[in-house]
PDB file of all heavy atoms in Angstrom:
ATOM      1  N   SER A   1     149.849 110.096  65.806  1.00  0.00           N
ATOM      2  CA  SER A   1     149.942 111.498  65.419  1.00  0.00           C
ATOM      3  C   SER A   1     149.009 112.373  66.255  1.00  0.00           C
ATOM      4  O   SER A   1     149.387 113.432  66.700  1.00  0.00           O
ATOM      5  CB  SER A   1     149.612 111.684  63.977  1.00  0.00           C
ATOM      6  OG  SER A   1     150.547 111.121  63.103  1.00  0.00           O
ATOM      7  N   TYR A   2     147.766 111.905  66.454  1.00  0.00           N
ATOM      8  CA  TYR A   2     146.806 112.630  67.280  1.00  0.00           C
ATOM      9  C   TYR A   2     147.303 112.778  68.757  1.00  0.00           C
ATOM     10  O   TYR A   2     147.259 113.873  69.319  1.00  0.00           O
ATOM     11  CB  TYR A   2     145.412 111.963  67.280  1.00  0.00           C
ATOM     12  CG  TYR A   2     144.451 112.640  68.198  1.00  0.00           C
ATOM     13  CD1 TYR A   2     143.779 113.819  67.731  1.00  0.00           C
ATOM     14  CD2 TYR A   2     144.134 112.189  69.464  1.00  0.00           C
ATOM     15  CE1 TYR A   2     142.891 114.457  68.562  1.00  0.00           C
ATOM     16  CE2 TYR A   2     143.230 112.843  70.243  1.00  0.00           C
ATOM     17  CZ  TYR A   2     142.631 113.958  69.849  1.00  0.00           C
ATOM     18  OH  TYR A   2     141.740 114.607  70.631  1.00  0.00           O
ATOM     19  N   GLU A   3     147.807 111.688  69.298  1.00  0.00           N
ATOM     20  CA  GLU A   3     148.298 111.756  70.676  1.00  0.00           C
ATOM     21  C   GLU A   3     149.457 112.707  70.764  1.00  0.00           C
ATOM     22  O   GLU A   3     149.623 113.443  71.747  1.00  0.00           O
ATOM     23  CB  GLU A   3     148.682 110.378  71.168  1.00  0.00           C
ATOM     24  CG  GLU A   3     149.206 110.318  72.553  1.00  0.00           C
ATOM     25  CD  GLU A   3     148.115 110.714  73.605  1.00  0.00           C
ATOM     26  OE1 GLU A   3     146.955 110.666  73.309  1.00  0.00           O
ATOM     27  OE2 GLU A   3     148.536 111.090  74.686  1.00  0.00           O
ATOM     28  N   ALA A   4     150.352 112.715  69.795  1.00  0.00           N
ATOM     29  CA  ALA A   4     151.489 113.636  69.801  1.00  0.00           C
ATOM     30  C   ALA A   4     150.988 115.066  69.713  1.00  0.00           C
ATOM     31  O   ALA A   4     151.561 115.984  70.423  1.00  0.00           O
ATOM     32  CB  ALA A   4     152.440 113.361  68.599  1.00  0.00           C
ATOM     33  N   GLN A   5     149.996 115.377  68.954  1.00  0.00           N
ATOM     34  CA  GLN A   5     149.429 116.735  68.868  1.00  0.00           C
ATOM     35  C   GLN A   5     148.824 117.127  70.226  1.00  0.00           C
ATOM     36  O   GLN A   5     148.990 118.278  70.694  1.00  0.00           O
ATOM     37  CB  GLN A   5     148.384 116.827  67.808  1.00  0.00           C
ATOM     38  CG  GLN A   5     148.918 116.836  66.376  1.00  0.00           C
ATOM     39  CD  GLN A   5     147.814 116.871  65.350  1.00  0.00           C
ATOM     40  OE1 GLN A   5     146.624 116.840  65.648  1.00  0.00           O
ATOM     41  NE2 GLN A   5     148.170 116.807  64.074  1.00  0.00           N
ATOM     42  N   CYS A   6     148.101 116.156  70.823  1.00  0.00           N
ATOM     43  CA  CYS A   6     147.498 116.441  72.130  1.00  0.00           C
ATOM     44  C   CYS A   6     148.580 116.768  73.200  1.00  0.00           C
ATOM     45  O   CYS A   6     148.420 117.717  73.987  1.00  0.00           O
ATOM     46  CB  CYS A   6     146.650 115.284  72.621  1.00  0.00           C
ATOM     47  SG  CYS A   6     145.090 115.069  71.769  1.00  0.00           S
ATOM     48  N   ARG A   7     149.635 116.003  73.171  1.00  0.00           N
ATOM     49  CA  ARG A   7     150.663 116.265  74.099  1.00  0.00           C
ATOM     50  C   ARG A   7     151.376 117.583  73.887  1.00  0.00           C
ATOM     51  O   ARG A   7     151.766 118.313  74.858  1.00  0.00           O
ATOM     52  CB  ARG A   7     151.717 115.147  74.102  1.00  0.00           C
ATOM     53  CG  ARG A   7     151.144 113.861  74.679  1.00  0.00           C
ATOM     54  CD  ARG A   7     152.152 112.677  74.643  1.00  0.00           C
ATOM     55  NE  ARG A   7     151.514 111.498  75.125  1.00  0.00           N
ATOM     56  CZ  ARG A   7     152.187 110.377  75.345  1.00  0.00           C
ATOM     57  NH1 ARG A   7     153.485 110.326  75.122  1.00  0.00           N
ATOM     58  NH2 ARG A   7     151.535 109.291  75.788  1.00  0.00           N
ATOM     59  N   GLN A   8     151.578 117.934  72.643  1.00  0.00           N
ATOM     60  CA  GLN A   8     152.208 119.218  72.298  1.00  0.00           C
ATOM     61  C   GLN A   8     151.332 120.408  72.596  1.00  0.00           C
ATOM     62  O   GLN A   8     151.767 121.446  73.063  1.00  0.00           O
ATOM     63  CB  GLN A   8     152.576 119.246  70.796  1.00  0.00           C
ATOM     64  CG  GLN A   8     153.296 120.460  70.368  1.00  0.00           C
ATOM     65  CD  GLN A   8     153.674 120.475  68.891  1.00  0.00           C
ATOM     66  OE1 GLN A   8     153.502 119.467  68.216  1.00  0.00           O
ATOM     67  NE2 GLN A   8     154.175 121.519  68.462  1.00  0.00           N
ATOM     68  N   ASN A   9     150.010 120.277  72.344  1.00  0.00           N
ATOM     69  CA  ASN A   9     149.081 121.393  72.438  1.00  0.00           C
ATOM     70  C   ASN A   9     148.144 121.377  73.611  1.00  0.00           C
ATOM     71  O   ASN A   9     147.268 122.193  73.741  1.00  0.00           O
ATOM     72  CB  ASN A   9     148.243 121.493  71.141  1.00  0.00           C
ATOM     73  CG  ASN A   9     149.127 121.717  69.915  1.00  0.00           C
ATOM     74  OD1 ASN A   9     150.026 122.532  69.971  1.00  0.00           O
ATOM     75  ND2 ASN A   9     148.908 120.950  68.868  1.00  0.00           N
ATOM     76  N   GLY A  10     148.272 120.366  74.447  1.00  0.00           N
ATOM     77  CA  GLY A  10     147.467 120.312  75.637  1.00  0.00           C
ATOM     78  C   GLY A  10     146.170 119.521  75.531  1.00  0.00           C
ATOM     79  O   GLY A  10     145.460 119.359  76.491  1.00  0.00           O
ATOM     80  N   GLY A  11     145.866 118.982  74.389  1.00  0.00           N
ATOM     81  CA  GLY A  11     144.681 118.140  74.253  1.00  0.00           C
ATOM     82  C   GLY A  11     143.381 118.930  74.320  1.00  0.00           C
ATOM     83  O   GLY A  11     143.336 120.139  74.207  1.00  0.00           O
ATOM     84  N   LEU A  12     142.313 118.156  74.459  1.00  0.00           N
ATOM     85  CA  LEU A  12     140.992 118.774  74.538  1.00  0.00           C
ATOM     86  C   LEU A  12     140.757 119.439  75.844  1.00  0.00           C
ATOM     87  O   LEU A  12     141.324 119.015  76.899  1.00  0.00           O
ATOM     88  CB  LEU A  12     139.929 117.682  74.392  1.00  0.00           C
ATOM     89  CG  LEU A  12     139.861 116.975  73.002  1.00  0.00           C
ATOM     90  CD1 LEU A  12     138.885 115.794  73.100  1.00  0.00           C
ATOM     91  CD2 LEU A  12     139.444 117.940  71.934  1.00  0.00           C
ATOM     92  N   PRO A  13     139.964 120.556  75.901  1.00  0.00           N
ATOM     93  CA  PRO A  13     139.633 121.170  77.120  1.00  0.00           C
ATOM     94  C   PRO A  13     138.919 120.174  78.105  1.00  0.00           C
ATOM     95  O   PRO A  13     138.205 119.281  77.621  1.00  0.00           O
ATOM     96  CB  PRO A  13     138.739 122.335  76.765  1.00  0.00           C
ATOM     97  CG  PRO A  13     138.944 122.525  75.272  1.00  0.00           C
ATOM     98  CD  PRO A  13     139.384 121.218  74.730  1.00  0.00           C
ATOM     99  N   ALA A  14     139.061 120.427  79.369  1.00  0.00           N
ATOM    100  CA  ALA A  14     138.449 119.527  80.370  1.00  0.00           C
ATOM    101  C   ALA A  14     136.956 119.399  80.146  1.00  0.00           C
ATOM    102  O   ALA A  14     136.409 118.287  80.291  1.00  0.00           O
ATOM    103  CB  ALA A  14     138.750 119.991  81.754  1.00  0.00           C
ATOM    104  N   LYS A  15     136.292 120.497  79.892  1.00  0.00           N
ATOM    105  CA  LYS A  15     134.820 120.476  79.708  1.00  0.00           C
ATOM    106  C   LYS A  15     134.458 119.536  78.570  1.00  0.00           C
ATOM    107  O   LYS A  15     133.495 118.798  78.630  1.00  0.00           O
ATOM    108  CB  LYS A  15     134.286 121.897  79.346  1.00  0.00           C
ATOM    109  CG  LYS A  15     133.882 122.724  80.499  1.00  0.00           C
ATOM    110  CD  LYS A  15     133.381 124.035  79.968  1.00  0.00           C
ATOM    111  CE  LYS A  15     132.278 124.587  80.795  1.00  0.00           C
ATOM    112  NZ  LYS A  15     131.913 125.948  80.351  1.00  0.00           N
ATOM    113  N   THR A  16     135.181 119.645  77.455  1.00  0.00           N
ATOM    114  CA  THR A  16     134.933 118.779  76.286  1.00  0.00           C
ATOM    115  C   THR A  16     135.161 117.347  76.617  1.00  0.00           C
ATOM    116  O   THR A  16     134.350 116.455  76.247  1.00  0.00           O
ATOM    117  CB  THR A  16     135.804 119.221  75.115  1.00  0.00           C
ATOM    118  OG1 THR A  16     135.530 120.592  74.843  1.00  0.00           O
ATOM    119  CG2 THR A  16     135.482 118.408  73.833  1.00  0.00           C
ATOM    120  N   ARG A  17     136.197 117.057  77.347  1.00  0.00           N
ATOM    121  CA  ARG A  17     136.485 115.667  77.760  1.00  0.00           C
ATOM    122  C   ARG A  17     135.340 115.081  78.616  1.00  0.00           C
ATOM    123  O   ARG A  17     134.933 113.973  78.475  1.00  0.00           O
ATOM    124  CB  ARG A  17     137.786 115.551  78.470  1.00  0.00           C
ATOM    125  CG  ARG A  17     139.008 115.679  77.577  1.00  0.00           C
ATOM    126  CD  ARG A  17     140.298 115.229  78.233  1.00  0.00           C
ATOM    127  NE  ARG A  17     140.558 115.766  79.530  1.00  0.00           N
ATOM    128  CZ  ARG A  17     141.184 116.931  79.805  1.00  0.00           C
ATOM    129  NH1 ARG A  17     141.622 117.641  78.807  1.00  0.00           N
ATOM    130  NH2 ARG A  17     141.330 117.331  81.013  1.00  0.00           N
ATOM    131  N   ARG A  18     134.860 115.952  79.551  1.00  0.00           N
ATOM    132  CA  ARG A  18     133.728 115.470  80.426  1.00  0.00           C
ATOM    133  C   ARG A  18     132.473 115.207  79.557  1.00  0.00           C
ATOM    134  O   ARG A  18     131.801 114.180  79.806  1.00  0.00           O
ATOM    135  CB  ARG A  18     133.427 116.530  81.496  1.00  0.00           C
ATOM    136  CG  ARG A  18     134.448 116.537  82.586  1.00  0.00           C
ATOM    137  CD  ARG A  18     133.983 117.406  83.770  1.00  0.00           C
ATOM    138  NE  ARG A  18     133.789 118.809  83.490  1.00  0.00           N
ATOM    139  CZ  ARG A  18     134.713 119.715  83.574  1.00  0.00           C
ATOM    140  NH1 ARG A  18     135.945 119.387  83.931  1.00  0.00           N
ATOM    141  NH2 ARG A  18     134.487 120.998  83.270  1.00  0.00           N
ATOM    142  N   VAL A  19     132.171 116.049  78.621  1.00  0.00           N
ATOM    143  CA  VAL A  19     130.970 115.842  77.778  1.00  0.00           C
ATOM    144  C   VAL A  19     131.157 114.596  77.004  1.00  0.00           C
ATOM    145  O   VAL A  19     130.269 113.730  76.869  1.00  0.00           O
ATOM    146  CB  VAL A  19     130.699 117.051  76.858  1.00  0.00           C
ATOM    147  CG1 VAL A  19     129.712 116.735  75.804  1.00  0.00           C
ATOM    148  CG2 VAL A  19     130.260 118.248  77.676  1.00  0.00           C
ATOM    149  N   LEU A  20     132.323 114.395  76.324  1.00  0.00           N
ATOM    150  CA  LEU A  20     132.552 113.158  75.577  1.00  0.00           C
ATOM    151  C   LEU A  20     132.508 111.904  76.426  1.00  0.00           C
ATOM    152  O   LEU A  20     131.949 110.905  75.966  1.00  0.00           O
ATOM    153  CB  LEU A  20     133.911 113.305  74.863  1.00  0.00           C
ATOM    154  CG  LEU A  20     133.971 114.343  73.709  1.00  0.00           C
ATOM    155  CD1 LEU A  20     135.413 114.423  73.193  1.00  0.00           C
ATOM    156  CD2 LEU A  20     133.002 113.972  72.606  1.00  0.00           C
ATOM    157  N   THR A  21     132.931 111.958  77.648  1.00  0.00           N
ATOM    158  CA  THR A  21     132.834 110.825  78.562  1.00  0.00           C
ATOM    159  C   THR A  21     131.397 110.531  78.871  1.00  0.00           C
ATOM    160  O   THR A  21     131.020 109.351  78.822  1.00  0.00           O
ATOM    161  CB  THR A  21     133.604 111.165  79.863  1.00  0.00           C
ATOM    162  OG1 THR A  21     135.006 111.319  79.543  1.00  0.00           O
ATOM    163  CG2 THR A  21     133.445 109.981  80.886  1.00  0.00           C
ATOM    164  N   ARG A  22     130.608 111.561  79.100  1.00  0.00           N
ATOM    165  CA  ARG A  22     129.136 111.323  79.374  1.00  0.00           C
ATOM    166  C   ARG A  22     128.491 110.629  78.170  1.00  0.00           C
ATOM    167  O   ARG A  22     127.676 109.721  78.319  1.00  0.00           O
ATOM    168  CB  ARG A  22     128.489 112.565  79.761  1.00  0.00           C
ATOM    169  CG  ARG A  22     128.840 113.056  81.161  1.00  0.00           C
ATOM    170  CD  ARG A  22     127.833 114.091  81.715  1.00  0.00           C
ATOM    171  NE  ARG A  22     127.869 115.393  81.111  1.00  0.00           N
ATOM    172  CZ  ARG A  22     128.721 116.352  81.443  1.00  0.00           C
ATOM    173  NH1 ARG A  22     129.643 116.195  82.308  1.00  0.00           N
ATOM    174  NH2 ARG A  22     128.634 117.548  80.864  1.00  0.00           N
ATOM    175  N   ILE A  23     128.831 111.118  76.959  1.00  0.00           N
ATOM    176  CA  ILE A  23     128.233 110.550  75.726  1.00  0.00           C
ATOM    177  C   ILE A  23     128.712 109.090  75.553  1.00  0.00           C
ATOM    178  O   ILE A  23     127.930 108.228  75.264  1.00  0.00           O
ATOM    179  CB  ILE A  23     128.617 111.397  74.532  1.00  0.00           C
ATOM    180  CG1 ILE A  23     127.927 112.763  74.608  1.00  0.00           C
ATOM    181  CG2 ILE A  23     128.206 110.713  73.216  1.00  0.00           C
ATOM    182  CD1 ILE A  23     128.434 113.828  73.663  1.00  0.00           C
ATOM    183  N   ALA A  24     129.995 108.851  75.840  1.00  0.00           N
ATOM    184  CA  ALA A  24     130.500 107.489  75.679  1.00  0.00           C
ATOM    185  C   ALA A  24     129.855 106.546  76.711  1.00  0.00           C
ATOM    186  O   ALA A  24     129.741 105.323  76.482  1.00  0.00           O
ATOM    187  CB  ALA A  24     131.998 107.470  75.894  1.00  0.00           C
ATOM    188  N   GLU A  25     129.442 107.075  77.816  1.00  0.00           N
ATOM    189  CA  GLU A  25     128.763 106.242  78.896  1.00  0.00           C
ATOM    190  C   GLU A  25     127.289 106.031  78.548  1.00  0.00           C
ATOM    191  O   GLU A  25     126.579 105.359  79.341  1.00  0.00           O
ATOM    192  CB  GLU A  25     128.912 106.935  80.265  1.00  0.00           C
ATOM    193  CG  GLU A  25     130.334 106.880  80.761  1.00  0.00           C
ATOM    194  CD  GLU A  25     130.557 107.748  81.976  1.00  0.00           C
ATOM    195  OE1 GLU A  25     129.740 108.584  82.313  1.00  0.00           O
ATOM    196  OE2 GLU A  25     131.624 107.576  82.576  1.00  0.00           O
ATOM    197  N   GLY A  26     126.783 106.616  77.433  1.00  0.00           N
ATOM    198  CA  GLY A  26     125.443 106.365  77.044  1.00  0.00           C
ATOM    199  C   GLY A  26     124.496 107.499  77.240  1.00  0.00           C
ATOM    200  O   GLY A  26     123.283 107.407  76.923  1.00  0.00           O
ATOM    201  N   GLN A  27     124.937 108.614  77.792  1.00  0.00           N
ATOM    202  CA  GLN A  27     124.048 109.761  78.005  1.00  0.00           C
ATOM    203  C   GLN A  27     123.684 110.420  76.653  1.00  0.00           C
ATOM    204  O   GLN A  27     124.602 110.558  75.797  1.00  0.00           O
ATOM    205  CB  GLN A  27     124.661 110.796  78.926  1.00  0.00           C
ATOM    206  CG  GLN A  27     123.784 111.911  79.323  1.00  0.00           C
ATOM    207  CD  GLN A  27     124.424 112.824  80.390  1.00  0.00           C
ATOM    208  OE1 GLN A  27     125.487 112.520  80.928  1.00  0.00           O
ATOM    209  NE2 GLN A  27     123.795 113.888  80.699  1.00  0.00           N
ATOM    210  N   PRO A  28     122.480 110.719  76.395  1.00  0.00           N
ATOM    211  CA  PRO A  28     122.134 111.368  75.072  1.00  0.00           C
ATOM    212  C   PRO A  28     122.876 112.679  74.882  1.00  0.00           C
ATOM    213  O   PRO A  28     123.163 113.394  75.868  1.00  0.00           O
ATOM    214  CB  PRO A  28     120.612 111.641  75.230  1.00  0.00           C
ATOM    215  CG  PRO A  28     120.118 110.654  76.269  1.00  0.00           C
ATOM    216  CD  PRO A  28     121.270 110.528  77.194  1.00  0.00           C
ATOM    217  N   VAL A  29     123.225 112.969  73.664  1.00  0.00           N
ATOM    218  CA  VAL A  29     123.990 114.145  73.306  1.00  0.00           C
ATOM    219  C   VAL A  29     123.326 115.406  73.845  1.00  0.00           C
ATOM    220  O   VAL A  29     123.981 116.287  74.420  1.00  0.00           O
ATOM    221  CB  VAL A  29     124.293 114.234  71.817  1.00  0.00           C
ATOM    222  CG1 VAL A  29     124.958 115.555  71.450  1.00  0.00           C
ATOM    223  CG2 VAL A  29     125.113 113.050  71.365  1.00  0.00           C
ATOM    224  N   ALA A  30     122.007 115.504  73.651  1.00  0.00           N
ATOM    225  CA  ALA A  30     121.287 116.719  74.043  1.00  0.00           C
ATOM    226  C   ALA A  30     121.456 117.016  75.527  1.00  0.00           C
ATOM    227  O   ALA A  30     121.735 118.167  75.930  1.00  0.00           O
ATOM    228  CB  ALA A  30     119.828 116.623  73.721  1.00  0.00           C
ATOM    229  N   SER A  31     121.423 115.986  76.393  1.00  0.00           N
ATOM    230  CA  SER A  31     121.530 116.238  77.813  1.00  0.00           C
ATOM    231  C   SER A  31     122.993 116.378  78.236  1.00  0.00           C
ATOM    232  O   SER A  31     123.325 117.110  79.167  1.00  0.00           O
ATOM    233  CB  SER A  31     120.824 115.157  78.641  1.00  0.00           C
ATOM    234  OG  SER A  31     121.411 113.884  78.428  1.00  0.00           O
ATOM    235  N   ALA A  32     123.897 115.703  77.547  1.00  0.00           N
ATOM    236  CA  ALA A  32     125.300 115.822  77.849  1.00  0.00           C
ATOM    237  C   ALA A  32     125.838 117.181  77.550  1.00  0.00           C
ATOM    238  O   ALA A  32     126.786 117.655  78.235  1.00  0.00           O
ATOM    239  CB  ALA A  32     126.107 114.757  77.092  1.00  0.00           C
ATOM    240  N   THR A  33     125.240 117.869  76.587  1.00  0.00           N
ATOM    241  CA  THR A  33     125.775 119.172  76.192  1.00  0.00           C
ATOM    242  C   THR A  33     124.873 120.314  76.726  1.00  0.00           C
ATOM    243  O   THR A  33     125.108 121.449  76.456  1.00  0.00           O
ATOM    244  CB  THR A  33     125.817 119.290  74.664  1.00  0.00           C
ATOM    245  OG1 THR A  33     124.528 119.079  74.144  1.00  0.00           O
ATOM    246  CG2 THR A  33     126.795 118.283  74.062  1.00  0.00           C
TER     247      THR A  33
END
């Protein structure tokens, strides 16, 4: 359902995806944002 919504509405903004990727790679939230 989430993927269908992303495809219909364009998903997360590129900036948000980059920040989430940095956090997933282990960068602290404070510095990622």
